[in-house]
Amino acid sequence: MSIAVLLQRLAALLIALALPCAAGAQGQESPNRGPFRTVSDGADTKLMLLGHDAVAYFTENRAVPGDPAIKAEHLGVTWRFASEANRAEFLRDPDRYMPQFGGFCANGINYAVPWGAGGGPDTWRIYRGKLYVFGGQSSRDHFEMDTERNLELAHRYWNEEVAGSSALWTRIRRLVFRVPHYKTDAQLQQEYAQKLAAGTLPVMPGAPQVVPAR
């Protein structure tokens, strides 16, 4: 047996072993119960959205830092809010305000790599009524070169591989065994620069985002 064949079989086995038992249906809906991308800040060791207010993205259309004194625990992680009113609103309907893909970079989940924290200025987007965050502005830009296709891939990989799994293990495995459509940051940036120069980006810098009808 050649080394190449052995590596292919090993990759297939690792993927099979890592799949969660209760994968959701493919499409634009995904389970949102973890894993979660958190950071540590002060007494909050599992803080979501880099401490930003999940409700304010929807009500103020901007990233608003939460007050460390106004917070709530939900699904084992901590959420901060800019006001008591936003805290109460979140607790009334958490699923409405929680970021998709556990707060991991949506562009990373597009490649089945749960990594990167977003939520600050220029690292988030509300699309079709859902909050998506990105590890940086360039990640959001690259994702939005084909939002619909990338969302379809991201939801599929989240449902099939990431949801309910160990984010660290899934990340390591997919950094070694890349998805078929994987592109490097350099390749994505080159594609972005070409479309920017041609004026063919779906979301041109400074222009309002156009969200298709549901």
C-alpha atoms as a PDB file:
ATOM      1  CA  MET A   1       0.000   0.000   0.000  1.00  0.00           C
ATOM      2  CA  SER A   2       1.425   3.386  -1.008  1.00  0.00           C
ATOM      3  CA  ILE A   3       1.879   6.211   1.496  1.00  0.00           C
ATOM      4  CA  ALA A   4      -0.615   8.348  -0.438  1.00  0.00           C
ATOM      5  CA  VAL A   5      -3.330   5.695  -0.206  1.00  0.00           C
ATOM      6  CA  LEU A   6      -2.586   5.158   3.480  1.00  0.00           C
ATOM      7  CA  LEU A   7      -2.923   8.894   4.176  1.00  0.00           C
ATOM      8  CA  GLN A   8      -6.223   9.041   2.281  1.00  0.00           C
ATOM      9  CA  ARG A   9      -7.630   6.154   4.327  1.00  0.00           C
ATOM     10  CA  LEU A  10      -6.389   7.719   7.544  1.00  0.00           C
ATOM     11  CA  ALA A  11      -8.038  11.020   6.653  1.00  0.00           C
ATOM     12  CA  ALA A  12     -11.346   9.283   5.937  1.00  0.00           C
ATOM     13  CA  LEU A  13     -11.165   7.448   9.265  1.00  0.00           C
ATOM     14  CA  LEU A  14     -10.394  10.608  11.227  1.00  0.00           C
ATOM     15  CA  ILE A  15     -13.290  12.450   9.619  1.00  0.00           C
ATOM     16  CA  ALA A  16     -15.687   9.608  10.379  1.00  0.00           C
ATOM     17  CA  LEU A  17     -14.591   9.395  14.002  1.00  0.00           C
ATOM     18  CA  ALA A  18     -14.934  13.125  14.532  1.00  0.00           C
ATOM     19  CA  LEU A  19     -18.462  13.536  13.192  1.00  0.00           C
ATOM     20  CA  PRO A  20     -20.945  14.327  15.987  1.00  0.00           C
ATOM     21  CA  CYS A  21     -23.690  11.815  16.501  1.00  0.00           C
ATOM     22  CA  ALA A  22     -26.539  14.300  16.165  1.00  0.00           C
ATOM     23  CA  ALA A  23     -25.643  16.278  13.061  1.00  0.00           C
ATOM     24  CA  GLY A  24     -28.330  18.704  11.964  1.00  0.00           C
ATOM     25  CA  ALA A  25     -29.904  18.937   8.554  1.00  0.00           C
ATOM     26  CA  GLN A  26     -27.990  20.649   5.814  1.00  0.00           C
ATOM     27  CA  GLY A  27     -29.041  24.117   4.734  1.00  0.00           C
ATOM     28  CA  GLN A  28     -29.278  27.532   6.327  1.00  0.00           C
ATOM     29  CA  GLU A  29     -30.259  26.329   9.802  1.00  0.00           C
ATOM     30  CA  SER A  30     -27.736  24.972  12.255  1.00  0.00           C
ATOM     31  CA  PRO A  31     -27.723  23.917  15.904  1.00  0.00           C
ATOM     32  CA  ASN A  32     -26.358  26.750  18.021  1.00  0.00           C
ATOM     33  CA  ARG A  33     -25.441  24.955  21.229  1.00  0.00           C
ATOM     34  CA  GLY A  34     -21.686  24.808  20.951  1.00  0.00           C
ATOM     35  CA  PRO A  35     -18.833  24.617  20.755  1.00  0.00           C
ATOM     36  CA  PHE A  36     -18.434  28.329  21.496  1.00  0.00           C
ATOM     37  CA  ARG A  37     -15.613  30.751  20.733  1.00  0.00           C
ATOM     38  CA  THR A  38     -14.880  32.521  23.997  1.00  0.00           C
ATOM     39  CA  VAL A  39     -12.182  34.705  25.493  1.00  0.00           C
ATOM     40  CA  SER A  40     -11.135  35.360  29.080  1.00  0.00           C
ATOM     41  CA  ASP A  41     -11.501  38.851  30.533  1.00  0.00           C
ATOM     42  CA  GLY A  42     -11.334  39.552  34.224  1.00  0.00           C
ATOM     43  CA  ALA A  43     -13.728  37.329  36.124  1.00  0.00           C
ATOM     44  CA  ASP A  44     -15.344  36.136  32.895  1.00  0.00           C
ATOM     45  CA  THR A  45     -13.390  33.139  31.674  1.00  0.00           C
ATOM     46  CA  LYS A  46     -15.825  32.162  28.895  1.00  0.00           C
ATOM     47  CA  LEU A  47     -16.847  35.484  27.413  1.00  0.00           C
ATOM     48  CA  MET A  48     -18.697  35.635  24.099  1.00  0.00           C
ATOM     49  CA  LEU A  49     -18.328  38.164  21.270  1.00  0.00           C
ATOM     50  CA  LEU A  50     -15.176  39.665  22.775  1.00  0.00           C
ATOM     51  CA  GLY A  51     -17.472  41.224  25.366  1.00  0.00           C
ATOM     52  CA  HIS A  52     -19.765  43.009  22.894  1.00  0.00           C
ATOM     53  CA  ASP A  53     -23.526  43.289  23.361  1.00  0.00           C
ATOM     54  CA  ALA A  54     -25.322  40.680  21.213  1.00  0.00           C
ATOM     55  CA  VAL A  55     -28.553  42.681  21.116  1.00  0.00           C
ATOM     56  CA  ALA A  56     -26.985  45.989  20.064  1.00  0.00           C
ATOM     57  CA  TYR A  57     -25.936  44.616  16.669  1.00  0.00           C
ATOM     58  CA  PHE A  58     -29.628  44.369  15.834  1.00  0.00           C
ATOM     59  CA  THR A  59     -30.967  47.455  17.609  1.00  0.00           C
ATOM     60  CA  GLU A  60     -28.099  49.911  16.985  1.00  0.00           C
ATOM     61  CA  ASN A  61     -26.436  48.369  13.916  1.00  0.00           C
ATOM     62  CA  ARG A  62     -23.002  48.607  15.498  1.00  0.00           C
ATOM     63  CA  ALA A  63     -20.639  46.767  17.803  1.00  0.00           C
ATOM     64  CA  VAL A  64     -21.242  48.046  21.331  1.00  0.00           C
ATOM     65  CA  PRO A  65     -18.998  46.919  24.216  1.00  0.00           C
ATOM     66  CA  GLY A  66     -20.946  45.357  27.043  1.00  0.00           C
ATOM     67  CA  ASP A  67     -20.706  46.437  30.662  1.00  0.00           C
ATOM     68  CA  PRO A  68     -18.877  43.817  32.780  1.00  0.00           C
ATOM     69  CA  ALA A  69     -21.443  44.491  35.518  1.00  0.00           C
ATOM     70  CA  ILE A  70     -24.391  43.681  33.222  1.00  0.00           C
ATOM     71  CA  LYS A  71     -24.136  40.095  32.081  1.00  0.00           C
ATOM     72  CA  ALA A  72     -25.910  36.762  31.862  1.00  0.00           C
ATOM     73  CA  GLU A  73     -24.913  33.128  31.720  1.00  0.00           C
ATOM     74  CA  HIS A  74     -26.449  31.122  28.905  1.00  0.00           C
ATOM     75  CA  LEU A  75     -25.400  27.664  27.693  1.00  0.00           C
ATOM     76  CA  GLY A  76     -22.346  27.741  29.914  1.00  0.00           C
ATOM     77  CA  VAL A  77     -20.861  30.953  28.512  1.00  0.00           C
ATOM     78  CA  THR A  78     -21.036  34.616  29.510  1.00  0.00           C
ATOM     79  CA  TRP A  79     -22.751  37.415  27.594  1.00  0.00           C
ATOM     80  CA  ARG A  80     -22.256  41.100  28.409  1.00  0.00           C
ATOM     81  CA  PHE A  81     -24.726  43.884  27.673  1.00  0.00           C
ATOM     82  CA  ALA A  82     -24.669  47.642  27.450  1.00  0.00           C
ATOM     83  CA  SER A  83     -27.938  47.974  29.392  1.00  0.00           C
ATOM     84  CA  GLU A  84     -30.303  46.003  31.593  1.00  0.00           C
ATOM     85  CA  ALA A  85     -32.945  46.354  28.877  1.00  0.00           C
ATOM     86  CA  ASN A  86     -30.696  44.569  26.369  1.00  0.00           C
ATOM     87  CA  ARG A  87     -29.935  41.857  28.898  1.00  0.00           C
ATOM     88  CA  ALA A  88     -33.648  41.259  29.453  1.00  0.00           C
ATOM     89  CA  GLU A  89     -34.308  41.228  25.704  1.00  0.00           C
ATOM     90  CA  PHE A  90     -31.571  38.649  25.134  1.00  0.00           C
ATOM     91  CA  LEU A  91     -32.901  36.367  27.862  1.00  0.00           C
ATOM     92  CA  ARG A  92     -36.399  36.540  26.351  1.00  0.00           C
ATOM     93  CA  ASP A  93     -35.143  35.048  23.062  1.00  0.00           C
ATOM     94  CA  PRO A  94     -31.440  34.096  23.081  1.00  0.00           C
ATOM     95  CA  ASP A  95     -31.581  32.241  19.764  1.00  0.00           C
ATOM     96  CA  ARG A  96     -32.583  35.438  18.001  1.00  0.00           C
ATOM     97  CA  TYR A  97     -29.433  37.276  19.086  1.00  0.00           C
ATOM     98  CA  MET A  98     -26.749  34.616  19.436  1.00  0.00           C
ATOM     99  CA  PRO A  99     -24.096  34.608  16.699  1.00  0.00           C
ATOM    100  CA  GLN A 100     -24.186  31.704  14.292  1.00  0.00           C
ATOM    101  CA  PHE A 101     -21.528  28.964  14.456  1.00  0.00           C
ATOM    102  CA  GLY A 102     -20.910  29.512  18.170  1.00  0.00           C
ATOM    103  CA  GLY A 103     -19.258  32.875  17.544  1.00  0.00           C
ATOM    104  CA  PHE A 104     -16.440  31.380  15.493  1.00  0.00           C
ATOM    105  CA  CYS A 105     -15.332  33.135  12.321  1.00  0.00           C
ATOM    106  CA  ALA A 106     -17.907  32.234   9.651  1.00  0.00           C
ATOM    107  CA  ASN A 107     -15.183  32.227   7.017  1.00  0.00           C
ATOM    108  CA  GLY A 108     -13.281  29.643   9.039  1.00  0.00           C
ATOM    109  CA  ILE A 109     -16.358  27.430   9.368  1.00  0.00           C
ATOM    110  CA  ASN A 110     -16.641  27.668   5.569  1.00  0.00           C
ATOM    111  CA  TYR A 111     -13.480  25.503   5.643  1.00  0.00           C
ATOM    112  CA  ALA A 112     -14.584  23.428   8.670  1.00  0.00           C
ATOM    113  CA  VAL A 113     -12.004  25.248  10.811  1.00  0.00           C
ATOM    114  CA  PRO A 114     -13.511  26.610  14.061  1.00  0.00           C
ATOM    115  CA  TRP A 115     -11.124  29.445  14.808  1.00  0.00           C
ATOM    116  CA  GLY A 116     -11.018  33.192  15.176  1.00  0.00           C
ATOM    117  CA  ALA A 117     -13.139  35.494  17.294  1.00  0.00           C
ATOM    118  CA  GLY A 118     -15.124  38.384  15.867  1.00  0.00           C
ATOM    119  CA  GLY A 119     -17.741  40.848  16.895  1.00  0.00           C
ATOM    120  CA  GLY A 120     -15.827  44.108  16.991  1.00  0.00           C
ATOM    121  CA  PRO A 121     -16.123  46.884  14.395  1.00  0.00           C
ATOM    122  CA  ASP A 122     -15.977  45.578  10.804  1.00  0.00           C
ATOM    123  CA  THR A 123     -15.910  41.947  11.935  1.00  0.00           C
ATOM    124  CA  TRP A 124     -19.613  41.137  11.924  1.00  0.00           C
ATOM    125  CA  ARG A 125     -22.630  41.160   9.652  1.00  0.00           C
ATOM    126  CA  ILE A 126     -26.362  40.574  10.023  1.00  0.00           C
ATOM    127  CA  TYR A 127     -27.496  38.569   7.035  1.00  0.00           C
ATOM    128  CA  ARG A 128     -31.011  37.215   6.544  1.00  0.00           C
ATOM    129  CA  GLY A 129     -31.775  38.086  10.145  1.00  0.00           C
ATOM    130  CA  LYS A 130     -28.819  36.160  11.626  1.00  0.00           C
ATOM    131  CA  LEU A 131     -25.627  37.458  13.213  1.00  0.00           C
ATOM    132  CA  TYR A 132     -22.343  36.236  11.737  1.00  0.00           C
ATOM    133  CA  VAL A 133     -18.941  37.244  13.065  1.00  0.00           C
ATOM    134  CA  PHE A 134     -15.490  37.094  11.498  1.00  0.00           C
ATOM    135  CA  GLY A 135     -11.902  36.891  12.698  1.00  0.00           C
ATOM    136  CA  GLY A 136     -11.056  40.150  10.924  1.00  0.00           C
ATOM    137  CA  GLN A 137     -12.306  42.560   8.299  1.00  0.00           C
ATOM    138  CA  SER A 138     -10.446  40.689   5.548  1.00  0.00           C
ATOM    139  CA  SER A 139     -12.190  37.450   6.572  1.00  0.00           C
ATOM    140  CA  ARG A 140     -15.554  39.166   6.231  1.00  0.00           C
ATOM    141  CA  ASP A 141     -14.537  40.658   2.878  1.00  0.00           C
ATOM    142  CA  HIS A 142     -13.427  37.295   1.543  1.00  0.00           C
ATOM    143  CA  PHE A 143     -16.584  35.577   2.772  1.00  0.00           C
ATOM    144  CA  GLU A 144     -18.772  38.177   1.100  1.00  0.00           C
ATOM    145  CA  MET A 145     -17.280  37.565  -2.329  1.00  0.00           C
ATOM    146  CA  ASP A 146     -19.930  34.815  -2.507  1.00  0.00           C
ATOM    147  CA  THR A 147     -22.000  34.967   0.658  1.00  0.00           C
ATOM    148  CA  GLU A 148     -24.732  32.550  -0.394  1.00  0.00           C
ATOM    149  CA  ARG A 149     -22.365  29.774  -1.477  1.00  0.00           C
ATOM    150  CA  ASN A 150     -20.070  30.268   1.507  1.00  0.00           C
ATOM    151  CA  LEU A 151     -23.003  30.206   3.921  1.00  0.00           C
ATOM    152  CA  GLU A 152     -24.246  26.970   2.390  1.00  0.00           C
ATOM    153  CA  LEU A 153     -20.804  25.410   2.848  1.00  0.00           C
ATOM    154  CA  ALA A 154     -20.385  26.818   6.359  1.00  0.00           C
ATOM    155  CA  HIS A 155     -23.753  25.517   7.535  1.00  0.00           C
ATOM    156  CA  ARG A 156     -23.023  22.126   6.020  1.00  0.00           C
ATOM    157  CA  TYR A 157     -19.629  21.768   7.664  1.00  0.00           C
ATOM    158  CA  TRP A 158     -20.936  23.067  10.977  1.00  0.00           C
ATOM    159  CA  ASN A 159     -23.773  20.555  10.930  1.00  0.00           C
ATOM    160  CA  GLU A 160     -21.663  17.617   9.773  1.00  0.00           C
ATOM    161  CA  GLU A 161     -18.391  18.174  11.627  1.00  0.00           C
ATOM    162  CA  VAL A 162     -18.222  21.052  14.083  1.00  0.00           C
ATOM    163  CA  ALA A 163     -21.483  21.209  16.055  1.00  0.00           C
ATOM    164  CA  GLY A 164     -21.157  19.279  19.295  1.00  0.00           C
ATOM    165  CA  SER A 165     -17.503  18.442  18.647  1.00  0.00           C
ATOM    166  CA  SER A 166     -14.218  19.468  20.209  1.00  0.00           C
ATOM    167  CA  ALA A 167     -13.350  22.700  18.404  1.00  0.00           C
ATOM    168  CA  LEU A 168      -9.636  22.188  19.001  1.00  0.00           C
ATOM    169  CA  TRP A 169      -9.604  18.661  17.605  1.00  0.00           C
ATOM    170  CA  THR A 170     -11.750  19.603  14.607  1.00  0.00           C
ATOM    171  CA  ARG A 171      -9.524  22.608  13.890  1.00  0.00           C
ATOM    172  CA  ILE A 172      -6.311  20.595  14.029  1.00  0.00           C
ATOM    173  CA  ARG A 173      -7.723  17.873  11.802  1.00  0.00           C
ATOM    174  CA  ARG A 174      -8.987  20.302   9.175  1.00  0.00           C
ATOM    175  CA  LEU A 175      -5.754  22.287   9.186  1.00  0.00           C
ATOM    176  CA  VAL A 176      -4.042  19.058   8.167  1.00  0.00           C
ATOM    177  CA  PHE A 177      -6.734  17.579   5.907  1.00  0.00           C
ATOM    178  CA  ARG A 178      -8.106  20.570   4.028  1.00  0.00           C
ATOM    179  CA  VAL A 179     -11.587  20.702   2.531  1.00  0.00           C
ATOM    180  CA  PRO A 180     -11.651  20.375  -1.281  1.00  0.00           C
ATOM    181  CA  HIS A 181     -12.468  24.050  -1.914  1.00  0.00           C
ATOM    182  CA  TYR A 182      -9.803  25.419   0.454  1.00  0.00           C
ATOM    183  CA  LYS A 183      -8.024  28.632  -0.579  1.00  0.00           C
ATOM    184  CA  THR A 184      -5.131  30.343   1.170  1.00  0.00           C
ATOM    185  CA  ASP A 185      -5.423  33.880   2.508  1.00  0.00           C
ATOM    186  CA  ALA A 186      -3.116  35.010  -0.308  1.00  0.00           C
ATOM    187  CA  GLN A 187      -5.353  33.428  -2.944  1.00  0.00           C
ATOM    188  CA  LEU A 188      -8.471  34.965  -1.430  1.00  0.00           C
ATOM    189  CA  GLN A 189      -6.855  38.387  -1.174  1.00  0.00           C
ATOM    190  CA  GLN A 190      -5.742  38.231  -4.811  1.00  0.00           C
ATOM    191  CA  GLU A 191      -9.285  37.346  -5.870  1.00  0.00           C
ATOM    192  CA  TYR A 192     -10.669  40.147  -3.712  1.00  0.00           C
ATOM    193  CA  ALA A 193      -8.233  42.707  -5.162  1.00  0.00           C
ATOM    194  CA  GLN A 194      -9.152  41.709  -8.711  1.00  0.00           C
ATOM    195  CA  LYS A 195     -12.873  42.051  -8.062  1.00  0.00           C
ATOM    196  CA  LEU A 196     -12.350  45.330  -6.214  1.00  0.00           C
ATOM    197  CA  ALA A 197     -10.423  46.773  -9.150  1.00  0.00           C
ATOM    198  CA  ALA A 198     -13.113  45.587 -11.563  1.00  0.00           C
ATOM    199  CA  GLY A 199     -15.927  46.927  -9.368  1.00  0.00           C
ATOM    200  CA  THR A 200     -17.600  43.513  -9.258  1.00  0.00           C
ATOM    201  CA  LEU A 201     -17.585  42.816  -5.519  1.00  0.00           C
ATOM    202  CA  PRO A 202     -21.105  41.966  -4.274  1.00  0.00           C
ATOM    203  CA  VAL A 203     -20.490  44.352  -1.360  1.00  0.00           C
ATOM    204  CA  MET A 204     -18.279  47.223  -2.480  1.00  0.00           C
ATOM    205  CA  PRO A 205     -16.444  49.096   0.311  1.00  0.00           C
ATOM    206  CA  GLY A 206     -18.558  51.999   1.498  1.00  0.00           C
ATOM    207  CA  ALA A 207     -21.699  50.775  -0.247  1.00  0.00           C
ATOM    208  CA  PRO A 208     -24.728  49.436   1.635  1.00  0.00           C
ATOM    209  CA  GLN A 209     -25.060  45.697   1.893  1.00  0.00           C
ATOM    210  CA  VAL A 210     -27.829  44.158  -0.194  1.00  0.00           C
ATOM    211  CA  VAL A 211     -29.539  41.209   1.486  1.00  0.00           C
ATOM    212  CA  PRO A 212     -31.592  39.013  -0.869  1.00  0.00           C
ATOM    213  CA  ALA A 213     -35.232  38.396  -0.103  1.00  0.00           C
ATOM    214  CA  ARG A 214     -35.830  35.322   2.018  1.00  0.00           C
END
